[in-house]
Structures are given as structure tokens and as C-alpha cells.
Amino acid sequence: QITIAFTIMMGLAGFSAALFGGIVE
């Protein structure tokens, strides 16, 4: 259960970089 939080965070980190790259620019 504790590890799931880390998995969510790492999964989102890469995909949010792709998803919000245009907004960041």
C-alpha cells in the first residue's frame, strides 16, 4: 500500500512531463 504511492508518483512524473510540456513552454 505504501509502495503504490511511490509507483503513482514515478508513473505520473514521466507522463506529466509529456502531457504538460506544451503548457510549461
mmCIF file of all heavy atoms, coordinates in Angstrom:
data_MODEL
# 
_entry.id   MODEL 
# 
loop_
_atom_site.group_PDB 
_atom_site.id 
_atom_site.type_symbol 
_atom_site.label_atom_id 
_atom_site.label_alt_id 
_atom_site.label_comp_id 
_atom_site.label_asym_id 
_atom_site.label_entity_id 
_atom_site.label_seq_id 
_atom_site.pdbx_PDB_ins_code 
_atom_site.Cartn_x 
_atom_site.Cartn_y 
_atom_site.Cartn_z 
_atom_site.occupancy 
_atom_site.B_iso_or_equiv 
_atom_site.pdbx_formal_charge 
_atom_site.auth_seq_id 
_atom_site.auth_comp_id 
_atom_site.auth_asym_id 
_atom_site.auth_atom_id 
_atom_site.pdbx_PDB_model_num 
ATOM 1   N N   . GLN A 1 1  ? 0.832  -1.209 0.000   1.00 0.00 ? 1  GLN A N   1 
ATOM 2   C CA  . GLN A 1 1  ? 0.000  0.000  0.000   1.00 0.00 ? 1  GLN A CA  1 
ATOM 3   C C   . GLN A 1 1  ? 0.865  1.258  0.000   1.00 0.00 ? 1  GLN A C   1 
ATOM 4   O O   . GLN A 1 1  ? 0.559  2.235  -0.692  1.00 0.00 ? 1  GLN A O   1 
ATOM 5   C CB  . GLN A 1 1  ? -0.916 0.010  1.230   1.00 0.00 ? 1  GLN A CB  1 
ATOM 6   C CG  . GLN A 1 1  ? -2.023 -1.029 1.200   1.00 0.00 ? 1  GLN A CG  1 
ATOM 7   C CD  . GLN A 1 1  ? -2.862 -0.989 2.461   1.00 0.00 ? 1  GLN A CD  1 
ATOM 8   O OE1 . GLN A 1 1  ? -2.341 -0.894 3.575   1.00 0.00 ? 1  GLN A OE1 1 
ATOM 9   N NE2 . GLN A 1 1  ? -4.175 -1.047 2.294   1.00 0.00 ? 1  GLN A NE2 1 
ATOM 10  N N   . ILE A 1 2  ? 1.947  1.212  0.770   1.00 0.00 ? 2  ILE A N   1 
ATOM 11  C CA  . ILE A 1 2  ? 2.850  2.361  0.844   1.00 0.00 ? 2  ILE A CA  1 
ATOM 12  C C   . ILE A 1 2  ? 3.583  2.544  -0.483  1.00 0.00 ? 2  ILE A C   1 
ATOM 13  O O   . ILE A 1 2  ? 3.754  3.659  -0.982  1.00 0.00 ? 2  ILE A O   1 
ATOM 14  C CB  . ILE A 1 2  ? 3.862  2.184  2.005   1.00 0.00 ? 2  ILE A CB  1 
ATOM 15  C CG1 . ILE A 1 2  ? 3.117  2.020  3.332   1.00 0.00 ? 2  ILE A CG1 1 
ATOM 16  C CG2 . ILE A 1 2  ? 4.821  3.373  2.081   1.00 0.00 ? 2  ILE A CG2 1 
ATOM 17  C CD1 . ILE A 1 2  ? 3.961  1.474  4.459   1.00 0.00 ? 2  ILE A CD1 1 
ATOM 18  N N   . THR A 1 3  ? 3.984  1.417  -1.078  1.00 0.00 ? 3  THR A N   1 
ATOM 19  C CA  . THR A 1 3  ? 4.732  1.458  -2.342  1.00 0.00 ? 3  THR A CA  1 
ATOM 20  C C   . THR A 1 3  ? 3.877  1.974  -3.493  1.00 0.00 ? 3  THR A C   1 
ATOM 21  O O   . THR A 1 3  ? 4.400  2.600  -4.430  1.00 0.00 ? 3  THR A O   1 
ATOM 22  C CB  . THR A 1 3  ? 5.280  0.058  -2.687  1.00 0.00 ? 3  THR A CB  1 
ATOM 23  O OG1 . THR A 1 3  ? 6.044  -0.405 -1.578  1.00 0.00 ? 3  THR A OG1 1 
ATOM 24  C CG2 . THR A 1 3  ? 6.154  0.082  -3.931  1.00 0.00 ? 3  THR A CG2 1 
ATOM 25  N N   . ILE A 1 4  ? 2.560  1.736  -3.442  1.00 0.00 ? 4  ILE A N   1 
ATOM 26  C CA  . ILE A 1 4  ? 1.660  2.209  -4.504  1.00 0.00 ? 4  ILE A CA  1 
ATOM 27  C C   . ILE A 1 4  ? 1.789  3.723  -4.684  1.00 0.00 ? 4  ILE A C   1 
ATOM 28  O O   . ILE A 1 4  ? 1.777  4.229  -5.814  1.00 0.00 ? 4  ILE A O   1 
ATOM 29  C CB  . ILE A 1 4  ? 0.195  1.808  -4.209  1.00 0.00 ? 4  ILE A CB  1 
ATOM 30  C CG1 . ILE A 1 4  ? -0.011 0.309  -4.511  1.00 0.00 ? 4  ILE A CG1 1 
ATOM 31  C CG2 . ILE A 1 4  ? -0.789 2.638  -5.047  1.00 0.00 ? 4  ILE A CG2 1 
ATOM 32  C CD1 . ILE A 1 4  ? -1.345 -0.240 -4.048  1.00 0.00 ? 4  ILE A CD1 1 
ATOM 33  N N   . ALA A 1 5  ? 1.938  4.452  -3.574  1.00 0.00 ? 5  ALA A N   1 
ATOM 34  C CA  . ALA A 1 5  ? 2.078  5.913  -3.654  1.00 0.00 ? 5  ALA A CA  1 
ATOM 35  C C   . ALA A 1 5  ? 3.309  6.295  -4.474  1.00 0.00 ? 5  ALA A C   1 
ATOM 36  O O   . ALA A 1 5  ? 3.267  7.201  -5.313  1.00 0.00 ? 5  ALA A O   1 
ATOM 37  C CB  . ALA A 1 5  ? 2.181  6.515  -2.256  1.00 0.00 ? 5  ALA A CB  1 
ATOM 38  N N   . PHE A 1 6  ? 4.422  5.581  -4.242  1.00 0.00 ? 6  PHE A N   1 
ATOM 39  C CA  . PHE A 1 6  ? 5.658  5.855  -4.980  1.00 0.00 ? 6  PHE A CA  1 
ATOM 40  C C   . PHE A 1 6  ? 5.489  5.493  -6.455  1.00 0.00 ? 6  PHE A C   1 
ATOM 41  O O   . PHE A 1 6  ? 5.954  6.216  -7.343  1.00 0.00 ? 6  PHE A O   1 
ATOM 42  C CB  . PHE A 1 6  ? 6.813  5.059  -4.371  1.00 0.00 ? 6  PHE A CB  1 
ATOM 43  C CG  . PHE A 1 6  ? 8.145  5.329  -5.030  1.00 0.00 ? 6  PHE A CG  1 
ATOM 44  C CD1 . PHE A 1 6  ? 8.805  6.527  -4.827  1.00 0.00 ? 6  PHE A CD1 1 
ATOM 45  C CD2 . PHE A 1 6  ? 8.734  4.383  -5.855  1.00 0.00 ? 6  PHE A CD2 1 
ATOM 46  C CE1 . PHE A 1 6  ? 10.033 6.787  -5.433  1.00 0.00 ? 6  PHE A CE1 1 
ATOM 47  C CE2 . PHE A 1 6  ? 9.959  4.629  -6.466  1.00 0.00 ? 6  PHE A CE2 1 
ATOM 48  C CZ  . PHE A 1 6  ? 10.607 5.836  -6.249  1.00 0.00 ? 6  PHE A CZ  1 
ATOM 49  N N   . THR A 1 7  ? 4.802  4.381  -6.721  1.00 0.00 ? 7  THR A N   1 
ATOM 50  C CA  . THR A 1 7  ? 4.557  3.951  -8.100  1.00 0.00 ? 7  THR A CA  1 
ATOM 51  C C   . THR A 1 7  ? 3.727  4.991  -8.850  1.00 0.00 ? 7  THR A C   1 
ATOM 52  O O   . THR A 1 7  ? 4.014  5.327  -10.003 1.00 0.00 ? 7  THR A O   1 
ATOM 53  C CB  . THR A 1 7  ? 3.828  2.586  -8.118  1.00 0.00 ? 7  THR A CB  1 
ATOM 54  O OG1 . THR A 1 7  ? 4.580  1.649  -7.358  1.00 0.00 ? 7  THR A OG1 1 
ATOM 55  C CG2 . THR A 1 7  ? 3.663  2.072  -9.542  1.00 0.00 ? 7  THR A CG2 1 
ATOM 56  N N   . ILE A 1 8  ? 2.683  5.515  -8.176  1.00 0.00 ? 8  ILE A N   1 
ATOM 57  C CA  . ILE A 1 8  ? 1.846  6.563  -8.786  1.00 0.00 ? 8  ILE A CA  1 
ATOM 58  C C   . ILE A 1 8  ? 2.691  7.795  -9.096  1.00 0.00 ? 8  ILE A C   1 
ATOM 59  O O   . ILE A 1 8  ? 2.619  8.367  -10.186 1.00 0.00 ? 8  ILE A O   1 
ATOM 60  C CB  . ILE A 1 8  ? 0.676  6.952  -7.843  1.00 0.00 ? 8  ILE A CB  1 
ATOM 61  C CG1 . ILE A 1 8  ? -0.316 5.793  -7.710  1.00 0.00 ? 8  ILE A CG1 1 
ATOM 62  C CG2 . ILE A 1 8  ? -0.049 8.202  -8.362  1.00 0.00 ? 8  ILE A CG2 1 
ATOM 63  C CD1 . ILE A 1 8  ? -1.351 6.005  -6.602  1.00 0.00 ? 8  ILE A CD1 1 
ATOM 64  N N   . MET A 1 9  ? 3.520  8.194  -8.113  1.00 0.00 ? 9  MET A N   1 
ATOM 65  C CA  . MET A 1 9  ? 4.341  9.389  -8.279  1.00 0.00 ? 9  MET A CA  1 
ATOM 66  C C   . MET A 1 9  ? 5.307  9.246  -9.447  1.00 0.00 ? 9  MET A C   1 
ATOM 67  O O   . MET A 1 9  ? 5.404  10.139 -10.301 1.00 0.00 ? 9  MET A O   1 
ATOM 68  C CB  . MET A 1 9  ? 5.128  9.665  -6.996  1.00 0.00 ? 9  MET A CB  1 
ATOM 69  C CG  . MET A 1 9  ? 6.080  10.852 -7.091  1.00 0.00 ? 9  MET A CG  1 
ATOM 70  S SD  . MET A 1 9  ? 6.840  11.261 -5.517  1.00 0.00 ? 9  MET A SD  1 
ATOM 71  C CE  . MET A 1 9  ? 7.763  9.778  -5.196  1.00 0.00 ? 9  MET A CE  1 
ATOM 72  N N   . MET A 1 10 ? 6.016  8.116  -9.526  1.00 0.00 ? 10 MET A N   1 
ATOM 73  C CA  . MET A 1 10 ? 7.001  7.939  -10.588 1.00 0.00 ? 10 MET A CA  1 
ATOM 74  C C   . MET A 1 10 ? 6.330  7.784  -11.957 1.00 0.00 ? 10 MET A C   1 
ATOM 75  O O   . MET A 1 10 ? 6.842  8.274  -12.967 1.00 0.00 ? 10 MET A O   1 
ATOM 76  C CB  . MET A 1 10 ? 7.876  6.708  -10.290 1.00 0.00 ? 10 MET A CB  1 
ATOM 77  C CG  . MET A 1 10 ? 8.718  6.835  -9.032  1.00 0.00 ? 10 MET A CG  1 
ATOM 78  S SD  . MET A 1 10 ? 9.645  8.388  -8.934  1.00 0.00 ? 10 MET A SD  1 
ATOM 79  C CE  . MET A 1 10 ? 10.733 8.219  -10.323 1.00 0.00 ? 10 MET A CE  1 
ATOM 80  N N   . GLY A 1 11 ? 5.186  7.096  -11.976 1.00 0.00 ? 11 GLY A N   1 
ATOM 81  C CA  . GLY A 1 11 ? 4.451  6.949  -13.231 1.00 0.00 ? 11 GLY A CA  1 
ATOM 82  C C   . GLY A 1 11 ? 3.971  8.283  -13.752 1.00 0.00 ? 11 GLY A C   1 
ATOM 83  O O   . GLY A 1 11 ? 4.085  8.596  -14.941 1.00 0.00 ? 11 GLY A O   1 
ATOM 84  N N   . LEU A 1 12 ? 3.438  9.109  -12.844 1.00 0.00 ? 12 LEU A N   1 
ATOM 85  C CA  . LEU A 1 12 ? 2.927  10.423 -13.241 1.00 0.00 ? 12 LEU A CA  1 
ATOM 86  C C   . LEU A 1 12 ? 4.046  11.384 -13.623 1.00 0.00 ? 12 LEU A C   1 
ATOM 87  O O   . LEU A 1 12 ? 3.860  12.238 -14.490 1.00 0.00 ? 12 LEU A O   1 
ATOM 88  C CB  . LEU A 1 12 ? 2.118  11.034 -12.093 1.00 0.00 ? 12 LEU A CB  1 
ATOM 89  C CG  . LEU A 1 12 ? 0.626  10.719 -12.066 1.00 0.00 ? 12 LEU A CG  1 
ATOM 90  C CD1 . LEU A 1 12 ? 0.005  11.294 -10.809 1.00 0.00 ? 12 LEU A CD1 1 
ATOM 91  C CD2 . LEU A 1 12 ? -0.068 11.295 -13.293 1.00 0.00 ? 12 LEU A CD2 1 
ATOM 92  N N   . ALA A 1 13 ? 5.203  11.252 -12.974 1.00 0.00 ? 13 ALA A N   1 
ATOM 93  C CA  . ALA A 1 13 ? 6.300  12.193 -13.217 1.00 0.00 ? 13 ALA A CA  1 
ATOM 94  C C   . ALA A 1 13 ? 6.682  12.219 -14.696 1.00 0.00 ? 13 ALA A C   1 
ATOM 95  O O   . ALA A 1 13 ? 6.767  13.280 -15.312 1.00 0.00 ? 13 ALA A O   1 
ATOM 96  C CB  . ALA A 1 13 ? 7.506  11.830 -12.356 1.00 0.00 ? 13 ALA A CB  1 
ATOM 97  N N   . GLY A 1 14 ? 6.884  11.034 -15.275 1.00 0.00 ? 14 GLY A N   1 
ATOM 98  C CA  . GLY A 1 14 ? 7.263  10.971 -16.682 1.00 0.00 ? 14 GLY A CA  1 
ATOM 99  C C   . GLY A 1 14 ? 6.146  11.385 -17.615 1.00 0.00 ? 14 GLY A C   1 
ATOM 100 O O   . GLY A 1 14 ? 6.362  12.158 -18.554 1.00 0.00 ? 14 GLY A O   1 
ATOM 101 N N   . PHE A 1 15 ? 4.945  10.889 -17.356 1.00 0.00 ? 15 PHE A N   1 
ATOM 102 C CA  . PHE A 1 15 ? 3.832  11.191 -18.260 1.00 0.00 ? 15 PHE A CA  1 
ATOM 103 C C   . PHE A 1 15 ? 3.353  12.638 -18.123 1.00 0.00 ? 15 PHE A C   1 
ATOM 104 O O   . PHE A 1 15 ? 2.908  13.236 -19.100 1.00 0.00 ? 15 PHE A O   1 
ATOM 105 C CB  . PHE A 1 15 ? 2.679  10.211 -18.030 1.00 0.00 ? 15 PHE A CB  1 
ATOM 106 C CG  . PHE A 1 15 ? 2.957  8.834  -18.566 1.00 0.00 ? 15 PHE A CG  1 
ATOM 107 C CD1 . PHE A 1 15 ? 2.967  7.728  -17.734 1.00 0.00 ? 15 PHE A CD1 1 
ATOM 108 C CD2 . PHE A 1 15 ? 3.235  8.644  -19.915 1.00 0.00 ? 15 PHE A CD2 1 
ATOM 109 C CE1 . PHE A 1 15 ? 3.248  6.457  -18.228 1.00 0.00 ? 15 PHE A CE1 1 
ATOM 110 C CE2 . PHE A 1 15 ? 3.518  7.373  -20.426 1.00 0.00 ? 15 PHE A CE2 1 
ATOM 111 C CZ  . PHE A 1 15 ? 3.526  6.280  -19.577 1.00 0.00 ? 15 PHE A CZ  1 
ATOM 112 N N   . SER A 1 16 ? 3.442  13.220 -16.903 1.00 0.00 ? 16 SER A N   1 
ATOM 113 C CA  . SER A 1 16 ? 3.036  14.620 -16.760 1.00 0.00 ? 16 SER A CA  1 
ATOM 114 C C   . SER A 1 16 ? 4.028  15.544 -17.460 1.00 0.00 ? 16 SER A C   1 
ATOM 115 O O   . SER A 1 16 ? 3.661  16.601 -17.958 1.00 0.00 ? 16 SER A O   1 
ATOM 116 C CB  . SER A 1 16 ? 2.897  15.006 -15.284 1.00 0.00 ? 16 SER A CB  1 
ATOM 117 O OG  . SER A 1 16 ? 4.141  14.996 -14.618 1.00 0.00 ? 16 SER A OG  1 
ATOM 118 N N   . ALA A 1 17 ? 5.307  15.123 -17.507 1.00 0.00 ? 17 ALA A N   1 
ATOM 119 C CA  . ALA A 1 17 ? 6.306  15.905 -18.245 1.00 0.00 ? 17 ALA A CA  1 
ATOM 120 C C   . ALA A 1 17 ? 5.927  15.981 -19.721 1.00 0.00 ? 17 ALA A C   1 
ATOM 121 O O   . ALA A 1 17 ? 6.073  17.022 -20.365 1.00 0.00 ? 17 ALA A O   1 
ATOM 122 C CB  . ALA A 1 17 ? 7.693  15.278 -18.089 1.00 0.00 ? 17 ALA A CB  1 
ATOM 123 N N   . ALA A 1 18 ? 5.410  14.869 -20.255 1.00 0.00 ? 18 ALA A N   1 
ATOM 124 C CA  . ALA A 1 18 ? 4.968  14.844 -21.655 1.00 0.00 ? 18 ALA A CA  1 
ATOM 125 C C   . ALA A 1 18 ? 3.659  15.595 -21.834 1.00 0.00 ? 18 ALA A C   1 
ATOM 126 O O   . ALA A 1 18 ? 3.481  16.373 -22.776 1.00 0.00 ? 18 ALA A O   1 
ATOM 127 C CB  . ALA A 1 18 ? 4.810  13.393 -22.123 1.00 0.00 ? 18 ALA A CB  1 
ATOM 128 N N   . LEU A 1 19 ? 2.736  15.387 -20.896 1.00 0.00 ? 19 LEU A N   1 
ATOM 129 C CA  . LEU A 1 19 ? 1.394  15.965 -21.008 1.00 0.00 ? 19 LEU A CA  1 
ATOM 130 C C   . LEU A 1 19 ? 1.410  17.485 -20.885 1.00 0.00 ? 19 LEU A C   1 
ATOM 131 O O   . LEU A 1 19 ? 0.696  18.190 -21.598 1.00 0.00 ? 19 LEU A O   1 
ATOM 132 C CB  . LEU A 1 19 ? 0.498  15.360 -19.923 1.00 0.00 ? 19 LEU A CB  1 
ATOM 133 C CG  . LEU A 1 19 ? -1.005 15.597 -20.027 1.00 0.00 ? 19 LEU A CG  1 
ATOM 134 C CD1 . LEU A 1 19 ? -1.571 15.003 -21.299 1.00 0.00 ? 19 LEU A CD1 1 
ATOM 135 C CD2 . LEU A 1 19 ? -1.722 15.016 -18.809 1.00 0.00 ? 19 LEU A CD2 1 
ATOM 136 N N   . PHE A 1 20 ? 2.254  17.998 -19.969 1.00 0.00 ? 20 PHE A N   1 
ATOM 137 C CA  . PHE A 1 20 ? 2.244  19.436 -19.690 1.00 0.00 ? 20 PHE A CA  1 
ATOM 138 C C   . PHE A 1 20 ? 3.433  20.181 -20.295 1.00 0.00 ? 20 PHE A C   1 
ATOM 139 O O   . PHE A 1 20 ? 3.642  21.355 -19.985 1.00 0.00 ? 20 PHE A O   1 
ATOM 140 C CB  . PHE A 1 20 ? 2.207  19.676 -18.176 1.00 0.00 ? 20 PHE A CB  1 
ATOM 141 C CG  . PHE A 1 20 ? 0.972  19.118 -17.521 1.00 0.00 ? 20 PHE A CG  1 
ATOM 142 C CD1 . PHE A 1 20 ? 1.054  18.065 -16.627 1.00 0.00 ? 20 PHE A CD1 1 
ATOM 143 C CD2 . PHE A 1 20 ? -0.284 19.631 -17.820 1.00 0.00 ? 20 PHE A CD2 1 
ATOM 144 C CE1 . PHE A 1 20 ? -0.083 17.536 -16.028 1.00 0.00 ? 20 PHE A CE1 1 
ATOM 145 C CE2 . PHE A 1 20 ? -1.425 19.115 -17.231 1.00 0.00 ? 20 PHE A CE2 1 
ATOM 146 C CZ  . PHE A 1 20 ? -1.327 18.058 -16.337 1.00 0.00 ? 20 PHE A CZ  1 
ATOM 147 N N   . GLY A 1 21 ? 4.218  19.482 -21.149 1.00 0.00 ? 21 GLY A N   1 
ATOM 148 C CA  . GLY A 1 21 ? 5.382  20.132 -21.765 1.00 0.00 ? 21 GLY A CA  1 
ATOM 149 C C   . GLY A 1 21 ? 5.011  21.387 -22.528 1.00 0.00 ? 21 GLY A C   1 
ATOM 150 O O   . GLY A 1 21 ? 5.688  22.418 -22.429 1.00 0.00 ? 21 GLY A O   1 
ATOM 151 N N   . GLY A 1 22 ? 3.920  21.323 -23.285 1.00 0.00 ? 22 GLY A N   1 
ATOM 152 C CA  . GLY A 1 22 ? 3.476  22.493 -24.055 1.00 0.00 ? 22 GLY A CA  1 
ATOM 153 C C   . GLY A 1 22 ? 3.046  23.639 -23.160 1.00 0.00 ? 22 GLY A C   1 
ATOM 154 O O   . GLY A 1 22 ? 3.335  24.807 -23.443 1.00 0.00 ? 22 GLY A O   1 
ATOM 155 N N   . ILE A 1 23 ? 2.357  23.312 -22.058 1.00 0.00 ? 23 ILE A N   1 
ATOM 156 C CA  . ILE A 1 23 ? 1.911  24.341 -21.112 1.00 0.00 ? 23 ILE A CA  1 
ATOM 157 C C   . ILE A 1 23 ? 3.110  24.995 -20.443 1.00 0.00 ? 23 ILE A C   1 
ATOM 158 O O   . ILE A 1 23 ? 3.141  26.218 -20.246 1.00 0.00 ? 23 ILE A O   1 
ATOM 159 C CB  . ILE A 1 23 ? 0.956  23.721 -20.061 1.00 0.00 ? 23 ILE A CB  1 
ATOM 160 C CG1 . ILE A 1 23 ? -0.317 23.205 -20.756 1.00 0.00 ? 23 ILE A CG1 1 
ATOM 161 C CG2 . ILE A 1 23 ? 0.611  24.723 -18.967 1.00 0.00 ? 23 ILE A CG2 1 
ATOM 162 C CD1 . ILE A 1 23 ? -1.227 22.393 -19.864 1.00 0.00 ? 23 ILE A CD1 1 
ATOM 163 N N   . VAL A 1 24 ? 4.133  24.171 -20.106 1.00 0.00 ? 24 VAL A N   1 
ATOM 164 C CA  . VAL A 1 24 ? 5.351  24.697 -19.492 1.00 0.00 ? 24 VAL A CA  1 
ATOM 165 C C   . VAL A 1 24 ? 6.023  25.701 -20.426 1.00 0.00 ? 24 VAL A C   1 
ATOM 166 O O   . VAL A 1 24 ? 6.479  26.765 -19.994 1.00 0.00 ? 24 VAL A O   1 
ATOM 167 C CB  . VAL A 1 24 ? 6.327  23.549 -19.129 1.00 0.00 ? 24 VAL A CB  1 
ATOM 168 C CG1 . VAL A 1 24 ? 7.708  24.079 -18.772 1.00 0.00 ? 24 VAL A CG1 1 
ATOM 169 C CG2 . VAL A 1 24 ? 5.772  22.727 -17.965 1.00 0.00 ? 24 VAL A CG2 1 
ATOM 170 N N   . GLU A 1 25 ? 6.068  25.365 -21.722 1.00 0.00 ? 25 GLU A N   1 
ATOM 171 C CA  . GLU A 1 25 ? 6.671  26.277 -22.704 1.00 0.00 ? 25 GLU A CA  1 
ATOM 172 C C   . GLU A 1 25 ? 5.905  27.598 -22.783 1.00 0.00 ? 25 GLU A C   1 
ATOM 173 O O   . GLU A 1 25 ? 6.487  28.666 -22.889 1.00 0.00 ? 25 GLU A O   1 
ATOM 174 C CB  . GLU A 1 25 ? 6.699  25.614 -24.092 1.00 0.00 ? 25 GLU A CB  1 
ATOM 175 C CG  . GLU A 1 25 ? 7.733  24.500 -24.227 1.00 0.00 ? 25 GLU A CG  1 
ATOM 176 C CD  . GLU A 1 25 ? 9.156  25.015 -24.357 1.00 0.00 ? 25 GLU A CD  1 
ATOM 177 O OE1 . GLU A 1 25 ? 9.341  26.186 -24.708 1.00 0.00 ? 25 GLU A OE1 1 
ATOM 178 O OE2 . GLU A 1 25 ? 10.082 24.237 -24.093 1.00 0.00 ? 25 GLU A OE2 1 
# 
